[in-house]
Amino acid sequence: MNTQLFLALTTGILSGLWAWVAVSLGLPGWVGFLGCTAWFACPVPGFKGLLTTLGSLCSGVFWAEVIIHGSTLAPYTEVAGYLMTGVVAFIMCSQARHTLLAFVPGTFIGACATFGAQGDWRHVLPALILGLAFGYAMKWSGQWLAHRRQPVSYQTPE
């Protein structure tokens, strides 16, 4: 079996487990899958990538809350909400100069999850974090299995 097949196997098993965990904890399962997807999409490998994805996802949740609550400050002016969205989107991209916030798509994934859950960050944040952990476990376990299945080549002494 090649590495891709092992990744598919562990992803399938752990996706089913995540679906059960999400229901058991009362978390939105789709949000956890976004956290998982963010890990697979992050170009930074290893533990540094995990921290970068975590920081980016969490910052996205924060910025979504800023937009949601900031837009209510001028309830009769739709333009204020549009301007706030533009300014915050600029900040979300600009923060990427910091290593732990460098995964801009992760920031937008965290914000979109928060918007999709109507600002319910108390459920979004743990679902994203657990989904990220499941994504990490999926990739790590698939690679581990693939590595263990590699044939051992023996060289005969000449």
N, C-alpha and C. Protein backbone atom coordinates (compact mmCIF):
# COMPACT_ATOMS: atom_id res chain seq x y z
N MET A 1 0.85 -1.19 0.00
CA MET A 1 0.00 0.00 0.00
C MET A 1 0.88 1.24 0.00
N ASN A 2 0.46 2.25 -0.75
CA ASN A 2 1.24 3.48 -0.76
C ASN A 2 0.80 4.41 0.37
N THR A 3 1.55 5.47 0.56
CA THR A 3 1.28 6.40 1.66
C THR A 3 -0.12 7.00 1.56
N GLN A 4 -0.54 7.35 0.35
CA GLN A 4 -1.85 7.96 0.17
C GLN A 4 -2.98 7.04 0.65
N LEU A 5 -2.83 5.76 0.41
CA LEU A 5 -3.85 4.81 0.84
C LEU A 5 -3.89 4.70 2.37
N PHE A 6 -2.74 4.72 3.00
CA PHE A 6 -2.70 4.69 4.46
C PHE A 6 -3.30 5.98 5.04
N LEU A 7 -3.01 7.12 4.42
CA LEU A 7 -3.62 8.37 4.88
C LEU A 7 -5.14 8.32 4.73
N ALA A 8 -5.61 7.75 3.63
CA ALA A 8 -7.06 7.62 3.42
C ALA A 8 -7.67 6.72 4.48
N LEU A 9 -6.99 5.64 4.82
CA LEU A 9 -7.48 4.69 5.82
C LEU A 9 -7.60 5.35 7.19
N THR A 10 -6.51 5.99 7.64
CA THR A 10 -6.55 6.61 8.97
C THR A 10 -7.49 7.81 9.00
N THR A 11 -7.59 8.53 7.89
CA THR A 11 -8.52 9.66 7.82
C THR A 11 -9.96 9.16 7.93
N GLY A 12 -10.27 8.08 7.25
CA GLY A 12 -11.63 7.53 7.32
C GLY A 12 -11.98 7.07 8.72
N ILE A 13 -11.08 6.35 9.34
CA ILE A 13 -11.34 5.85 10.71
C ILE A 13 -11.50 7.00 11.69
N LEU A 14 -10.55 7.94 11.65
CA LEU A 14 -10.60 9.04 12.61
C LEU A 14 -11.71 10.05 12.31
N SER A 15 -12.15 10.15 11.06
CA SER A 15 -13.30 11.00 10.74
C SER A 15 -14.57 10.46 11.39
N GLY A 16 -14.74 9.15 11.33
CA GLY A 16 -15.89 8.53 11.99
C GLY A 16 -15.83 8.74 13.50
N LEU A 17 -14.63 8.62 14.06
CA LEU A 17 -14.46 8.84 15.50
C LEU A 17 -14.76 10.30 15.85
N TRP A 18 -14.27 11.24 15.01
CA TRP A 18 -14.55 12.65 15.27
C TRP A 18 -16.05 12.93 15.24
N ALA A 19 -16.75 12.35 14.29
CA ALA A 19 -18.20 12.58 14.20
C ALA A 19 -18.88 12.16 15.50
N TRP A 20 -18.47 11.03 16.07
CA TRP A 20 -19.03 10.56 17.34
C TRP A 20 -18.65 11.50 18.49
N VAL A 21 -17.37 11.90 18.54
CA VAL A 21 -16.91 12.80 19.61
C VAL A 21 -17.67 14.13 19.55
N ALA A 22 -17.83 14.67 18.36
CA ALA A 22 -18.52 15.96 18.21
C ALA A 22 -19.95 15.87 18.74
N VAL A 23 -20.66 14.82 18.36
CA VAL A 23 -22.03 14.66 18.84
C VAL A 23 -22.03 14.47 20.36
N SER A 24 -21.11 13.66 20.86
CA SER A 24 -21.04 13.40 22.30
C SER A 24 -20.78 14.66 23.11
N LEU A 25 -19.98 15.57 22.56
CA LEU A 25 -19.63 16.80 23.28
C LEU A 25 -20.54 17.98 22.91
N GLY A 26 -21.47 17.75 22.02
CA GLY A 26 -22.37 18.83 21.60
C GLY A 26 -21.67 19.90 20.78
N LEU A 27 -20.67 19.50 20.01
CA LEU A 27 -19.93 20.44 19.18
C LEU A 27 -20.36 20.32 17.72
N PRO A 28 -20.24 21.39 16.97
CA PRO A 28 -20.59 21.30 15.54
C PRO A 28 -19.53 20.50 14.79
N GLY A 29 -19.90 19.34 14.31
CA GLY A 29 -18.96 18.45 13.64
C GLY A 29 -18.31 19.07 12.42
N TRP A 30 -19.08 19.85 11.66
CA TRP A 30 -18.54 20.47 10.46
C TRP A 30 -17.40 21.43 10.78
N VAL A 31 -17.45 22.07 11.94
CA VAL A 31 -16.39 22.99 12.34
C VAL A 31 -15.10 22.21 12.61
N GLY A 32 -15.23 21.05 13.25
CA GLY A 32 -14.06 20.22 13.49
C GLY A 32 -13.41 19.78 12.19
N PHE A 33 -14.23 19.48 11.18
CA PHE A 33 -13.67 19.11 9.88
C PHE A 33 -12.93 20.28 9.24
N LEU A 34 -13.36 21.50 9.53
CA LEU A 34 -12.62 22.67 9.04
C LEU A 34 -11.25 22.76 9.72
N GLY A 35 -11.20 22.47 11.02
CA GLY A 35 -9.92 22.45 11.72
C GLY A 35 -8.99 21.38 11.16
N CYS A 36 -9.55 20.23 10.88
CA CYS A 36 -8.80 19.13 10.28
C CYS A 36 -8.29 19.53 8.89
N THR A 37 -9.14 20.12 8.11
CA THR A 37 -8.79 20.55 6.76
C THR A 37 -7.68 21.59 6.79
N ALA A 38 -7.75 22.49 7.75
CA ALA A 38 -6.71 23.52 7.88
C ALA A 38 -5.34 22.88 8.09
N TRP A 39 -5.29 21.82 8.90
CA TRP A 39 -4.01 21.15 9.12
C TRP A 39 -3.47 20.55 7.82
N PHE A 40 -4.34 19.88 7.08
CA PHE A 40 -3.90 19.26 5.83
C PHE A 40 -3.48 20.32 4.81
N ALA A 41 -4.04 21.52 4.88
CA ALA A 41 -3.73 22.57 3.92
C ALA A 41 -2.51 23.40 4.31
N CYS A 42 -2.12 23.37 5.56
CA CYS A 42 -1.01 24.21 6.02
C CYS A 42 0.30 23.76 5.37
N PRO A 43 1.03 24.69 4.77
CA PRO A 43 2.28 24.31 4.11
C PRO A 43 3.46 24.10 5.06
N VAL A 44 3.29 24.47 6.31
CA VAL A 44 4.38 24.33 7.28
C VAL A 44 4.26 22.96 7.94
N PRO A 45 5.28 22.11 7.85
CA PRO A 45 5.19 20.77 8.42
C PRO A 45 5.48 20.72 9.92
N GLY A 46 5.15 19.60 10.52
CA GLY A 46 5.54 19.29 11.89
C GLY A 46 4.86 20.13 12.96
N PHE A 47 5.51 20.17 14.11
CA PHE A 47 4.95 20.85 15.28
C PHE A 47 4.82 22.36 15.03
N LYS A 48 5.77 22.94 14.31
CA LYS A 48 5.69 24.37 14.00
C LYS A 48 4.44 24.65 13.17
N GLY A 49 4.14 23.78 12.22
CA GLY A 49 2.93 23.93 11.42
C GLY A 49 1.67 23.79 12.25
N LEU A 50 1.72 22.87 13.21
CA LEU A 50 0.58 22.68 14.10
C LEU A 50 0.31 23.96 14.90
N LEU A 51 1.37 24.55 15.44
CA LEU A 51 1.21 25.80 16.21
C LEU A 51 0.77 26.96 15.32
N THR A 52 1.31 27.02 14.10
CA THR A 52 0.92 28.07 13.16
C THR A 52 -0.56 27.93 12.79
N THR A 53 -0.99 26.71 12.54
CA THR A 53 -2.40 26.49 12.21
C THR A 53 -3.29 26.84 13.39
N LEU A 54 -2.90 26.42 14.58
CA LEU A 54 -3.67 26.72 15.79
C LEU A 54 -3.79 28.23 16.00
N GLY A 55 -2.68 28.92 15.93
CA GLY A 55 -2.71 30.38 16.12
C GLY A 55 -3.57 31.08 15.08
N SER A 56 -3.45 30.63 13.84
CA SER A 56 -4.22 31.24 12.76
C SER A 56 -5.72 30.99 12.91
N LEU A 57 -6.09 29.74 13.22
CA LEU A 57 -7.51 29.42 13.42
C LEU A 57 -8.11 30.25 14.55
N CYS A 58 -7.40 30.30 15.67
CA CYS A 58 -7.91 31.03 16.84
C CYS A 58 -8.01 32.52 16.56
N SER A 59 -7.04 33.06 15.84
CA SER A 59 -7.12 34.49 15.52
C SER A 59 -8.31 34.76 14.61
N GLY A 60 -8.63 33.84 13.72
CA GLY A 60 -9.79 34.01 12.86
C GLY A 60 -11.09 34.08 13.65
N VAL A 61 -11.17 33.25 14.68
CA VAL A 61 -12.35 33.29 15.55
C VAL A 61 -12.44 34.66 16.23
N PHE A 62 -11.31 35.13 16.72
CA PHE A 62 -11.26 36.44 17.38
C PHE A 62 -11.70 37.55 16.43
N TRP A 63 -11.15 37.56 15.22
CA TRP A 63 -11.47 38.63 14.27
C TRP A 63 -12.93 38.57 13.82
N ALA A 64 -13.48 37.38 13.71
CA ALA A 64 -14.91 37.27 13.38
C ALA A 64 -15.76 37.90 14.47
N GLU A 65 -15.38 37.66 15.71
CA GLU A 65 -16.12 38.26 16.83
C GLU A 65 -15.99 39.79 16.81
N VAL A 66 -14.82 40.29 16.44
CA VAL A 66 -14.64 41.74 16.32
C VAL A 66 -15.60 42.29 15.27
N ILE A 67 -15.69 41.62 14.13
CA ILE A 67 -16.60 42.08 13.08
C ILE A 67 -18.05 42.00 13.54
N ILE A 68 -18.42 40.87 14.14
CA ILE A 68 -19.81 40.67 14.57
C ILE A 68 -20.23 41.73 15.58
N HIS A 69 -19.41 41.91 16.61
CA HIS A 69 -19.78 42.86 17.66
C HIS A 69 -19.53 44.31 17.26
N GLY A 70 -18.49 44.53 16.48
CA GLY A 70 -18.21 45.89 16.01
C GLY A 70 -19.27 46.41 15.08
N SER A 71 -19.83 45.53 14.29
CA SER A 71 -20.88 45.94 13.35
C SER A 71 -22.15 46.38 14.06
N THR A 72 -22.35 45.95 15.29
CA THR A 72 -23.55 46.34 16.03
C THR A 72 -23.42 47.74 16.65
N LEU A 73 -22.23 48.30 16.61
CA LEU A 73 -22.04 49.64 17.18
C LEU A 73 -22.76 50.72 16.36
N ALA A 74 -22.94 50.45 15.09
CA ALA A 74 -23.67 51.38 14.23
C ALA A 74 -24.78 50.59 13.54
N PRO A 75 -25.83 50.22 14.30
CA PRO A 75 -26.84 49.31 13.78
C PRO A 75 -27.64 49.83 12.60
N TYR A 76 -27.71 51.13 12.41
CA TYR A 76 -28.53 51.67 11.34
C TYR A 76 -27.73 51.98 10.08
N THR A 77 -26.45 51.70 10.13
CA THR A 77 -25.59 51.99 8.99
C THR A 77 -24.92 50.72 8.52
N GLU A 78 -25.39 50.16 7.42
CA GLU A 78 -24.79 48.95 6.87
C GLU A 78 -23.36 49.20 6.42
N VAL A 79 -23.10 50.41 5.99
CA VAL A 79 -21.78 50.76 5.48
C VAL A 79 -20.71 50.55 6.56
N ALA A 80 -21.05 50.83 7.81
CA ALA A 80 -20.09 50.64 8.90
C ALA A 80 -19.65 49.18 9.00
N GLY A 81 -20.59 48.27 8.85
CA GLY A 81 -20.26 46.84 8.88
C GLY A 81 -19.37 46.44 7.72
N TYR A 82 -19.64 47.01 6.55
CA TYR A 82 -18.83 46.70 5.38
C TYR A 82 -17.41 47.24 5.57
N LEU A 83 -17.31 48.46 6.07
CA LEU A 83 -15.99 49.05 6.31
C LEU A 83 -15.22 48.25 7.36
N MET A 84 -15.91 47.84 8.42
CA MET A 84 -15.25 47.05 9.46
C MET A 84 -14.74 45.73 8.89
N THR A 85 -15.54 45.09 8.06
CA THR A 85 -15.13 43.83 7.44
C THR A 85 -13.87 44.04 6.60
N GLY A 86 -13.83 45.11 5.83
CA GLY A 86 -12.65 45.40 5.02
C GLY A 86 -11.41 45.66 5.84
N VAL A 87 -11.55 46.45 6.89
CA VAL A 87 -10.40 46.77 7.76
C VAL A 87 -9.90 45.51 8.46
N VAL A 88 -10.82 44.71 8.98
CA VAL A 88 -10.42 43.50 9.70
C VAL A 88 -9.82 42.48 8.74
N ALA A 89 -10.34 42.36 7.53
CA ALA A 89 -9.74 41.45 6.55
C ALA A 89 -8.30 41.87 6.24
N PHE A 90 -8.07 43.17 6.16
CA PHE A 90 -6.71 43.69 5.96
C PHE A 90 -5.81 43.27 7.12
N ILE A 91 -6.30 43.43 8.33
CA ILE A 91 -5.52 43.05 9.51
C ILE A 91 -5.25 41.54 9.52
N MET A 92 -6.25 40.75 9.15
CA MET A 92 -6.10 39.29 9.12
C MET A 92 -4.98 38.88 8.17
N CYS A 93 -4.85 39.58 7.07
CA CYS A 93 -3.77 39.27 6.13
C CYS A 93 -2.44 39.83 6.62
N SER A 94 -2.47 41.02 7.20
CA SER A 94 -1.24 41.67 7.66
C SER A 94 -0.58 40.94 8.82
N GLN A 95 -1.37 40.29 9.65
CA GLN A 95 -0.80 39.62 10.83
C GLN A 95 0.09 38.44 10.43
N ALA A 96 0.06 38.04 9.18
CA ALA A 96 0.82 36.88 8.72
C ALA A 96 2.33 37.08 8.83
N ARG A 97 2.78 38.28 9.10
CA ARG A 97 4.22 38.49 9.28
C ARG A 97 4.72 37.87 10.59
N HIS A 98 3.80 37.50 11.46
CA HIS A 98 4.14 36.82 12.71
C HIS A 98 4.03 35.31 12.48
N THR A 99 5.04 34.58 12.85
CA THR A 99 5.15 33.15 12.56
C THR A 99 3.91 32.37 12.98
N LEU A 100 3.41 32.60 14.17
CA LEU A 100 2.27 31.82 14.66
C LEU A 100 0.94 32.23 14.04
N LEU A 101 0.95 33.27 13.23
CA LEU A 101 -0.27 33.73 12.56
C LEU A 101 -0.08 33.75 11.04
N ALA A 102 0.91 33.02 10.56
CA ALA A 102 1.34 33.12 9.17
C ALA A 102 0.47 32.36 8.18
N PHE A 103 -0.45 31.54 8.64
CA PHE A 103 -1.28 30.75 7.74
C PHE A 103 -2.59 31.49 7.50
N VAL A 104 -2.59 32.41 6.54
CA VAL A 104 -3.74 33.27 6.27
C VAL A 104 -5.01 32.47 5.98
N PRO A 105 -4.96 31.40 5.15
CA PRO A 105 -6.20 30.64 4.95
C PRO A 105 -6.77 30.08 6.26
N GLY A 106 -5.90 29.71 7.20
CA GLY A 106 -6.37 29.23 8.50
C GLY A 106 -7.11 30.32 9.26
N THR A 107 -6.63 31.55 9.14
CA THR A 107 -7.30 32.67 9.79
C THR A 107 -8.70 32.85 9.22
N PHE A 108 -8.81 32.78 7.90
CA PHE A 108 -10.12 32.93 7.28
C PHE A 108 -11.01 31.73 7.55
N ILE A 109 -10.45 30.54 7.68
CA ILE A 109 -11.24 29.35 8.04
C ILE A 109 -11.84 29.54 9.43
N GLY A 110 -11.04 30.01 10.38
CA GLY A 110 -11.55 30.26 11.74
C GLY A 110 -12.65 31.30 11.75
N ALA A 111 -12.47 32.36 10.95
CA ALA A 111 -13.49 33.41 10.89
C ALA A 111 -14.77 32.88 10.23
N CYS A 112 -14.62 32.17 9.14
CA CYS A 112 -15.80 31.64 8.44
C CYS A 112 -16.57 30.66 9.31
N ALA A 113 -15.86 29.83 10.07
CA ALA A 113 -16.53 28.90 10.98
C ALA A 113 -17.34 29.66 12.01
N THR A 114 -16.78 30.75 12.51
CA THR A 114 -17.48 31.56 13.51
C THR A 114 -18.71 32.23 12.91
N PHE A 115 -18.56 32.76 11.71
CA PHE A 115 -19.73 33.36 11.03
C PHE A 115 -20.79 32.29 10.77
N GLY A 116 -20.35 31.12 10.30
CA GLY A 116 -21.29 30.04 10.00
C GLY A 116 -22.05 29.55 11.23
N ALA A 117 -21.40 29.66 12.38
CA ALA A 117 -22.03 29.24 13.64
C ALA A 117 -22.68 30.43 14.34
N GLN A 118 -22.91 31.50 13.60
CA GLN A 118 -23.58 32.69 14.10
C GLN A 118 -22.92 33.28 15.34
N GLY A 119 -21.60 33.27 15.35
CA GLY A 119 -20.84 33.89 16.43
C GLY A 119 -20.71 33.05 17.68
N ASP A 120 -21.08 31.80 17.64
CA ASP A 120 -21.02 30.94 18.82
C ASP A 120 -19.59 30.42 19.04
N TRP A 121 -18.69 31.32 19.43
CA TRP A 121 -17.28 30.97 19.58
C TRP A 121 -17.03 29.93 20.66
N ARG A 122 -17.94 29.81 21.65
CA ARG A 122 -17.76 28.84 22.73
C ARG A 122 -17.85 27.40 22.22
N HIS A 123 -18.51 27.19 21.10
CA HIS A 123 -18.57 25.87 20.49
C HIS A 123 -17.59 25.77 19.31
N VAL A 124 -17.38 26.88 18.64
CA VAL A 124 -16.48 26.88 17.48
C VAL A 124 -15.04 26.61 17.89
N LEU A 125 -14.57 27.31 18.90
CA LEU A 125 -13.17 27.20 19.29
C LEU A 125 -12.77 25.77 19.69
N PRO A 126 -13.49 25.11 20.59
CA PRO A 126 -13.10 23.74 20.91
C PRO A 126 -13.24 22.78 19.73
N ALA A 127 -14.24 23.01 18.88
CA ALA A 127 -14.41 22.14 17.71
C ALA A 127 -13.24 22.31 16.74
N LEU A 128 -12.81 23.54 16.52
CA LEU A 128 -11.65 23.77 15.65
C LEU A 128 -10.39 23.14 16.21
N ILE A 129 -10.18 23.31 17.51
CA ILE A 129 -8.97 22.78 18.14
C ILE A 129 -8.97 21.26 18.13
N LEU A 130 -10.09 20.66 18.47
CA LEU A 130 -10.17 19.19 18.42
C LEU A 130 -10.06 18.67 16.99
N GLY A 131 -10.69 19.38 16.05
CA GLY A 131 -10.58 19.00 14.65
C GLY A 131 -9.14 19.07 14.16
N LEU A 132 -8.43 20.11 14.59
CA LEU A 132 -7.01 20.24 14.25
C LEU A 132 -6.22 19.06 14.82
N ALA A 133 -6.51 18.69 16.06
CA ALA A 133 -5.82 17.54 16.68
C ALA A 133 -6.13 16.25 15.92
N PHE A 134 -7.38 16.08 15.51
CA PHE A 134 -7.73 14.90 14.73
C PHE A 134 -7.03 14.91 13.38
N GLY A 135 -6.94 16.06 12.73
CA GLY A 135 -6.22 16.17 11.47
C GLY A 135 -4.76 15.79 11.62
N TYR A 136 -4.15 16.27 12.69
CA TYR A 136 -2.76 15.94 12.97
C TYR A 136 -2.61 14.43 13.17
N ALA A 137 -3.53 13.84 13.93
CA ALA A 137 -3.49 12.40 14.17
C ALA A 137 -3.71 11.60 12.88
N MET A 138 -4.59 12.09 12.02
CA MET A 138 -4.84 11.41 10.75
C MET A 138 -3.56 11.34 9.91
N LYS A 139 -2.93 12.49 9.76
CA LYS A 139 -1.74 12.55 8.91
C LYS A 139 -0.58 11.78 9.55
N TRP A 140 -0.37 11.98 10.83
CA TRP A 140 0.74 11.31 11.51
C TRP A 140 0.57 9.80 11.46
N SER A 141 -0.63 9.31 11.79
CA SER A 141 -0.84 7.86 11.83
C SER A 141 -0.76 7.24 10.44
N GLY A 142 -1.25 7.93 9.43
CA GLY A 142 -1.15 7.42 8.07
C GLY A 142 0.29 7.32 7.61
N GLN A 143 1.08 8.34 7.92
CA GLN A 143 2.50 8.30 7.56
C GLN A 143 3.25 7.25 8.37
N TRP A 144 2.89 7.10 9.61
CA TRP A 144 3.53 6.09 10.46
C TRP A 144 3.27 4.69 9.92
N LEU A 145 2.01 4.42 9.57
CA LEU A 145 1.68 3.10 9.01
C LEU A 145 2.41 2.85 7.69
N ALA A 146 2.45 3.86 6.85
CA ALA A 146 3.13 3.72 5.56
C ALA A 146 4.62 3.43 5.76
N HIS A 147 5.22 4.10 6.71
CA HIS A 147 6.65 3.90 6.98
C HIS A 147 6.91 2.50 7.52
N ARG A 148 6.01 2.01 8.36
CA ARG A 148 6.18 0.67 8.94
C ARG A 148 6.02 -0.42 7.89
N ARG A 149 5.30 -0.14 6.82
CA ARG A 149 5.04 -1.14 5.78
C ARG A 149 6.07 -1.12 4.66
N GLN A 150 7.02 -0.19 4.72
CA GLN A 150 8.02 -0.16 3.67
C GLN A 150 8.87 -1.42 3.73
N PRO A 151 9.12 -2.02 2.58
CA PRO A 151 9.94 -3.22 2.58
C PRO A 151 11.37 -2.92 3.01
N VAL A 152 11.92 -3.84 3.75
CA VAL A 152 13.29 -3.72 4.20
C VAL A 152 14.18 -4.34 3.14
N SER A 153 15.15 -3.58 2.69
CA SER A 153 16.05 -4.15 1.68
C SER A 153 17.34 -4.59 2.38
N TYR A 154 17.69 -5.80 2.09
CA TYR A 154 18.90 -6.37 2.67
C TYR A 154 19.97 -6.41 1.57
N GLN A 155 21.13 -5.99 1.93
CA GLN A 155 22.23 -6.04 0.98
C GLN A 155 23.12 -7.24 1.31
N THR A 156 23.47 -7.95 0.31
CA THR A 156 24.36 -9.09 0.54
C THR A 156 25.80 -8.61 0.47
N PRO A 157 26.60 -9.05 1.43
CA PRO A 157 28.01 -8.63 1.41
C PRO A 157 28.73 -9.20 0.18
N GLU A 158 29.61 -8.42 -0.37
CA GLU A 158 30.34 -8.88 -1.54
C GLU A 158 31.67 -9.46 -1.18
